[in-house]
Amino acid sequence: MERRSFIQASLATACAAAATTPVIAADRQGGPVFELRTYSLKAAKQPVLEGYLSKAFMPALKRFGIGPVGVFVEKGKEDTNHVYVLIVYPSAEPVATLSTRLAADEEYQKAAKDYLAAPATDPVYSRIESSLLVPIEGMPKLEKPDPSKPRLLNLRIYESHNERAGKKKIEMFNKGELAIFRRVGLTPVFFGETVAGAAMPNLTYLLVFPDDAAREAAWKRFRDDPEWLKLKAIPEYADKEIVSRITNKLLTPTAFSEI
């Protein structure tokens, strides 16, 4: 089997395995796949990376029919920043073929020339971490916020101690928690189960707010909500049983972010 076909088949299998029923599995093989990339870099190199993403990478993906693409920034400690790139693929197939298509795309190679020519002694970034995710049943596609409006993004990752617990947290969102989120103003952008990447098993999701005051107010409404208090009191949904670690990050979109 050719390498491309093997990767493509593996991705389709992983997406299907994340499903809970045969119907959902079949749908997910042809449905959206999310990739979340994290670039760690020195603050001085951020303009170089943003120039590459906005002028080379994102235009190429648009030509390939891939997107939207969100680019968000988290300021780290001291001189290190993190840039998060969320890519929405229409299916698993473009994930497997992207690097080959970029290498063959003359327009991309020309626009990315300086970025790709960075010497080992002066790299643009230290490393890229990447995860592939499939949508959960309760939110089968990304809901794109208006990029013309001010927005603050809240990235949250719920790790679980094993696969059963991870599925239980997803079930909790599907059966009630996601509806509560929407009602109290915790507006979702996407919810995805990680099928390849670090810290598995985990559920990763992104929320959007107009500003930090709105974020704090929405989380307070959530914590005080009677339906949430009732849901979290169910023994099988207790955090200590299904969530072992929560990562919480506040991100700001770049001027060119499509999400």
Protein backbone atom coordinates (compact mmCIF):
# COMPACT_ATOMS: atom_id res chain seq x y z
CA MET A 1 0.00 0.00 0.00
CA GLU A 2 1.32 3.47 -0.88
CA ARG A 3 2.19 5.72 2.06
CA ARG A 4 -0.49 8.28 1.16
CA SER A 5 -3.18 5.61 0.93
CA PHE A 6 -2.05 4.08 4.22
CA ILE A 7 -2.22 7.42 6.07
CA GLN A 8 -5.57 8.23 4.50
CA ALA A 9 -7.01 4.85 5.51
CA SER A 10 -5.59 5.19 9.02
CA LEU A 11 -7.19 8.61 9.48
CA ALA A 12 -10.55 7.35 8.27
CA THR A 13 -10.32 4.41 10.67
CA ALA A 14 -9.42 6.69 13.59
CA CYS A 15 -12.33 9.00 12.82
CA ALA A 16 -14.73 6.08 12.60
CA ALA A 17 -13.40 4.54 15.83
CA ALA A 18 -14.22 7.77 17.67
CA ALA A 19 -17.90 7.37 16.85
CA THR A 20 -20.38 5.69 19.18
CA THR A 21 -22.75 4.18 16.58
CA PRO A 22 -22.34 2.80 13.02
CA VAL A 23 -24.47 5.66 11.64
CA ILE A 24 -22.26 8.31 13.19
CA ALA A 25 -19.14 6.42 12.13
CA ALA A 26 -20.17 6.39 8.50
CA ASP A 27 -21.00 10.08 8.59
CA ARG A 28 -17.70 11.04 10.22
CA GLN A 29 -15.58 9.34 7.60
CA GLY A 30 -16.84 11.93 5.12
CA GLY A 31 -17.37 14.76 7.59
CA PRO A 32 -15.11 17.51 8.91
CA VAL A 33 -11.81 16.88 10.65
CA PHE A 34 -10.11 19.52 12.80
CA GLU A 35 -6.38 20.00 13.17
CA LEU A 36 -5.11 22.10 16.06
CA ARG A 37 -1.48 23.16 15.70
CA THR A 38 0.57 24.88 18.38
CA TYR A 39 3.69 26.80 17.37
CA SER A 40 6.10 27.64 20.19
CA LEU A 41 8.40 30.50 19.29
CA LYS A 42 10.26 33.55 20.47
CA ALA A 43 8.17 36.70 20.52
CA ALA A 44 10.54 38.33 18.01
CA LYS A 45 9.71 35.61 15.47
CA GLN A 46 5.94 35.97 15.68
CA PRO A 47 5.72 38.52 12.80
CA VAL A 48 7.65 36.08 10.58
CA LEU A 49 5.26 33.22 11.36
CA GLU A 50 2.20 35.41 10.93
CA GLY A 51 3.50 36.62 7.58
CA TYR A 52 3.93 33.01 6.44
CA LEU A 53 0.50 31.95 7.63
CA SER A 54 -1.35 34.92 6.14
CA LYS A 55 0.50 35.20 2.83
CA ALA A 56 1.50 31.62 2.00
CA PHE A 57 -0.17 28.92 4.08
CA MET A 58 -3.77 30.16 4.31
CA PRO A 59 -4.03 31.24 0.63
CA ALA A 60 -2.78 27.79 -0.39
CA LEU A 61 -5.35 26.06 1.79
CA LYS A 62 -8.09 28.20 0.29
CA ARG A 63 -7.00 27.09 -3.20
CA PHE A 64 -7.22 23.49 -1.98
CA GLY A 65 -10.75 23.95 -0.63
CA ILE A 66 -9.63 23.68 2.99
CA GLY A 67 -10.84 26.02 5.71
CA PRO A 68 -11.76 28.16 7.46
CA VAL A 69 -8.48 28.62 9.33
CA GLY A 70 -8.25 30.31 12.70
CA VAL A 71 -5.01 31.82 14.01
CA PHE A 72 -4.86 32.75 17.68
CA VAL A 73 -2.13 34.01 19.98
CA GLU A 74 -1.34 33.23 23.58
CA LYS A 75 1.37 35.24 25.23
CA GLY A 76 3.62 32.94 27.21
CA LYS A 77 6.08 33.48 30.02
CA GLU A 78 9.11 35.67 29.46
CA ASP A 79 10.02 35.79 25.76
CA THR A 80 8.11 32.74 24.52
CA ASN A 81 4.78 32.97 22.71
CA HIS A 82 2.39 30.34 21.42
CA VAL A 83 0.44 30.62 18.18
CA TYR A 84 -2.52 28.28 17.72
CA VAL A 85 -3.75 27.38 14.25
CA LEU A 86 -7.13 25.68 13.85
CA ILE A 87 -7.64 24.11 10.42
CA VAL A 88 -11.02 22.77 9.32
CA TYR A 89 -10.72 20.00 6.71
CA PRO A 90 -13.82 18.84 4.80
CA SER A 91 -12.79 15.20 5.39
CA ALA A 92 -9.81 13.04 6.37
CA GLU A 93 -8.40 12.81 2.82
CA PRO A 94 -6.96 16.37 2.62
CA VAL A 95 -5.18 15.86 5.94
CA ALA A 96 -3.12 13.02 4.47
CA THR A 97 -2.29 14.85 1.25
CA LEU A 98 -1.67 18.41 2.48
CA SER A 99 2.12 18.30 2.78
CA THR A 100 2.48 16.77 -0.69
CA ARG A 101 0.19 19.35 -2.24
CA LEU A 102 2.05 22.22 -0.57
CA ALA A 103 5.38 20.89 -1.81
CA ALA A 104 4.02 20.79 -5.37
CA ASP A 105 2.29 24.17 -5.29
CA GLU A 106 4.52 26.76 -7.00
CA GLU A 107 2.57 29.75 -5.72
CA TYR A 108 2.91 28.51 -2.14
CA GLN A 109 6.62 27.74 -2.54
CA LYS A 110 7.24 31.25 -3.83
CA ALA A 111 5.25 32.97 -1.06
CA ALA A 112 6.82 30.77 1.65
CA LYS A 113 10.38 31.05 0.33
CA ASP A 114 11.89 33.08 3.20
CA TYR A 115 10.05 31.08 5.87
CA LEU A 116 11.19 27.75 4.42
CA ALA A 117 14.77 29.02 4.01
CA ALA A 118 15.20 29.80 7.72
CA PRO A 119 18.57 28.36 8.85
CA ALA A 120 18.94 25.90 11.72
CA THR A 121 20.82 28.57 13.64
CA ASP A 122 17.86 30.97 13.45
CA PRO A 123 14.59 28.98 13.27
CA VAL A 124 11.18 30.60 13.08
CA TYR A 125 9.77 28.32 15.81
CA SER A 126 11.08 25.70 18.21
CA ARG A 127 8.55 22.99 17.32
CA ILE A 128 4.99 22.39 16.11
CA GLU A 129 2.62 20.23 18.14
CA SER A 130 -0.45 18.95 16.33
CA SER A 131 -3.66 17.09 17.17
CA LEU A 132 -6.41 15.74 14.92
CA LEU A 133 -9.98 15.86 16.20
CA VAL A 134 -13.42 14.76 15.06
CA PRO A 135 -16.61 16.62 16.03
CA ILE A 136 -18.79 15.24 18.81
CA GLU A 137 -22.36 14.21 18.02
CA GLY A 138 -23.90 17.23 19.75
CA MET A 139 -21.91 19.69 17.62
CA PRO A 140 -21.15 18.03 14.26
CA LYS A 141 -19.50 21.06 12.64
CA LEU A 142 -17.64 24.24 13.46
CA GLU A 143 -19.80 27.31 14.12
CA LYS A 144 -17.80 30.24 12.80
CA PRO A 145 -17.98 33.51 14.76
CA ASP A 146 -18.10 36.83 12.92
CA PRO A 147 -14.43 37.73 12.31
CA SER A 148 -15.31 41.42 11.94
CA LYS A 149 -16.36 41.67 15.60
CA PRO A 150 -14.15 41.85 18.71
CA ARG A 151 -13.74 38.40 20.22
CA LEU A 152 -11.88 36.52 22.88
CA LEU A 153 -11.39 32.76 22.50
CA ASN A 154 -11.33 30.27 25.36
CA LEU A 155 -9.57 26.99 24.54
CA ARG A 156 -10.25 24.16 26.98
CA ILE A 157 -8.94 20.59 27.01
CA TYR A 158 -10.45 17.91 29.25
CA GLU A 159 -8.16 14.93 29.72
CA SER A 160 -9.49 11.63 31.10
CA HIS A 161 -7.72 8.75 32.80
CA ASN A 162 -8.94 6.20 30.22
CA GLU A 163 -11.07 5.83 27.09
CA ARG A 164 -14.25 4.90 28.95
CA ALA A 165 -14.04 8.04 31.09
CA GLY A 166 -13.32 10.17 28.03
CA LYS A 167 -16.42 8.85 26.27
CA LYS A 168 -18.46 9.54 29.39
CA LYS A 169 -17.46 13.22 29.40
CA ILE A 170 -18.43 13.48 25.73
CA GLU A 171 -21.76 11.82 26.56
CA MET A 172 -22.30 14.40 29.30
CA PHE A 173 -21.91 17.24 26.81
CA ASN A 174 -24.09 15.53 24.21
CA LYS A 175 -26.90 14.83 26.68
CA GLY A 176 -27.13 18.17 28.45
CA GLU A 177 -24.03 20.19 29.20
CA LEU A 178 -23.67 21.63 25.70
CA ALA A 179 -27.28 22.87 25.75
CA ILE A 180 -26.62 24.56 29.09
CA PHE A 181 -23.49 26.17 27.65
CA ARG A 182 -25.48 27.74 24.84
CA ARG A 183 -28.24 28.97 27.14
CA VAL A 184 -25.91 30.77 29.58
CA GLY A 185 -23.73 32.42 26.91
CA LEU A 186 -20.80 29.99 26.68
CA THR A 187 -20.91 30.15 22.90
CA PRO A 188 -19.15 27.18 21.27
CA VAL A 189 -17.00 27.35 18.14
CA PHE A 190 -16.18 23.64 18.03
CA PHE A 191 -16.11 20.51 20.17
CA GLY A 192 -13.73 17.75 19.12
CA GLU A 193 -12.59 14.36 20.37
CA THR A 194 -8.87 13.93 19.80
CA VAL A 195 -8.09 10.87 17.65
CA ALA A 196 -4.36 11.58 17.20
CA GLY A 197 -2.12 13.83 19.25
CA ALA A 198 -0.86 14.50 22.73
CA ALA A 199 -2.54 13.90 26.11
CA MET A 200 -5.10 11.38 24.88
CA PRO A 201 -7.83 10.64 25.61
CA ASN A 202 -9.17 14.16 25.66
CA LEU A 203 -12.04 16.37 24.61
CA THR A 204 -11.00 19.77 23.22
CA TYR A 205 -13.31 22.69 22.64
CA LEU A 206 -13.25 26.40 21.83
CA LEU A 207 -15.62 29.09 23.09
CA VAL A 208 -15.99 32.69 21.90
CA PHE A 209 -16.87 35.86 23.82
CA PRO A 210 -16.94 39.57 22.93
CA ASP A 211 -14.55 40.33 25.82
CA ASP A 212 -13.26 39.02 29.14
CA ALA A 213 -16.08 40.55 31.17
CA ALA A 214 -18.61 38.61 29.09
CA ARG A 215 -16.55 35.45 29.59
CA GLU A 216 -16.50 35.79 33.37
CA ALA A 217 -20.23 36.58 33.51
CA ALA A 218 -21.13 33.56 31.37
CA TRP A 219 -19.05 31.18 33.47
CA LYS A 220 -20.69 32.52 36.64
CA ARG A 221 -24.16 31.92 35.14
CA PHE A 222 -23.05 28.41 34.26
CA ARG A 223 -21.74 27.60 37.72
CA ASP A 224 -25.00 28.82 39.30
CA ASP A 225 -27.35 27.23 36.75
CA PRO A 226 -29.87 24.81 38.34
CA GLU A 227 -29.73 22.39 35.41
CA TRP A 228 -25.93 22.27 35.61
CA LEU A 229 -26.03 21.67 39.36
CA LYS A 230 -28.45 18.80 38.76
CA LEU A 231 -26.37 17.31 35.92
CA LYS A 232 -23.04 17.36 37.72
CA ALA A 233 -24.65 15.74 40.79
CA ILE A 234 -25.21 12.51 38.83
CA PRO A 235 -22.52 10.15 40.20
CA GLU A 236 -21.37 8.82 36.81
CA TYR A 237 -20.75 12.41 35.63
CA ALA A 238 -18.69 13.55 38.63
CA ASP A 239 -15.51 15.31 37.50
CA LYS A 240 -13.33 13.14 39.73
CA GLU A 241 -14.58 10.06 37.86
CA ILE A 242 -14.19 11.23 34.26
CA VAL A 243 -11.86 14.27 34.09
CA SER A 244 -8.27 14.02 35.31
CA ARG A 245 -6.93 17.36 34.08
CA ILE A 246 -8.27 20.58 32.55
CA THR A 247 -6.19 22.94 30.41
CA ASN A 248 -7.64 26.44 30.13
CA LYS A 249 -6.22 29.07 27.77
CA LEU A 250 -7.35 32.53 26.70
CA LEU A 251 -6.50 33.36 23.09
CA THR A 252 -6.77 36.45 20.93
CA PRO A 253 -7.32 36.18 17.17
CA THR A 254 -4.86 37.69 14.74
CA ALA A 255 -6.10 40.35 12.35
CA PHE A 256 -6.16 37.81 9.50
CA SER A 257 -7.82 34.93 11.37
CA GLU A 258 -10.86 33.53 9.57
CA ILE A 259 -12.36 32.29 12.85
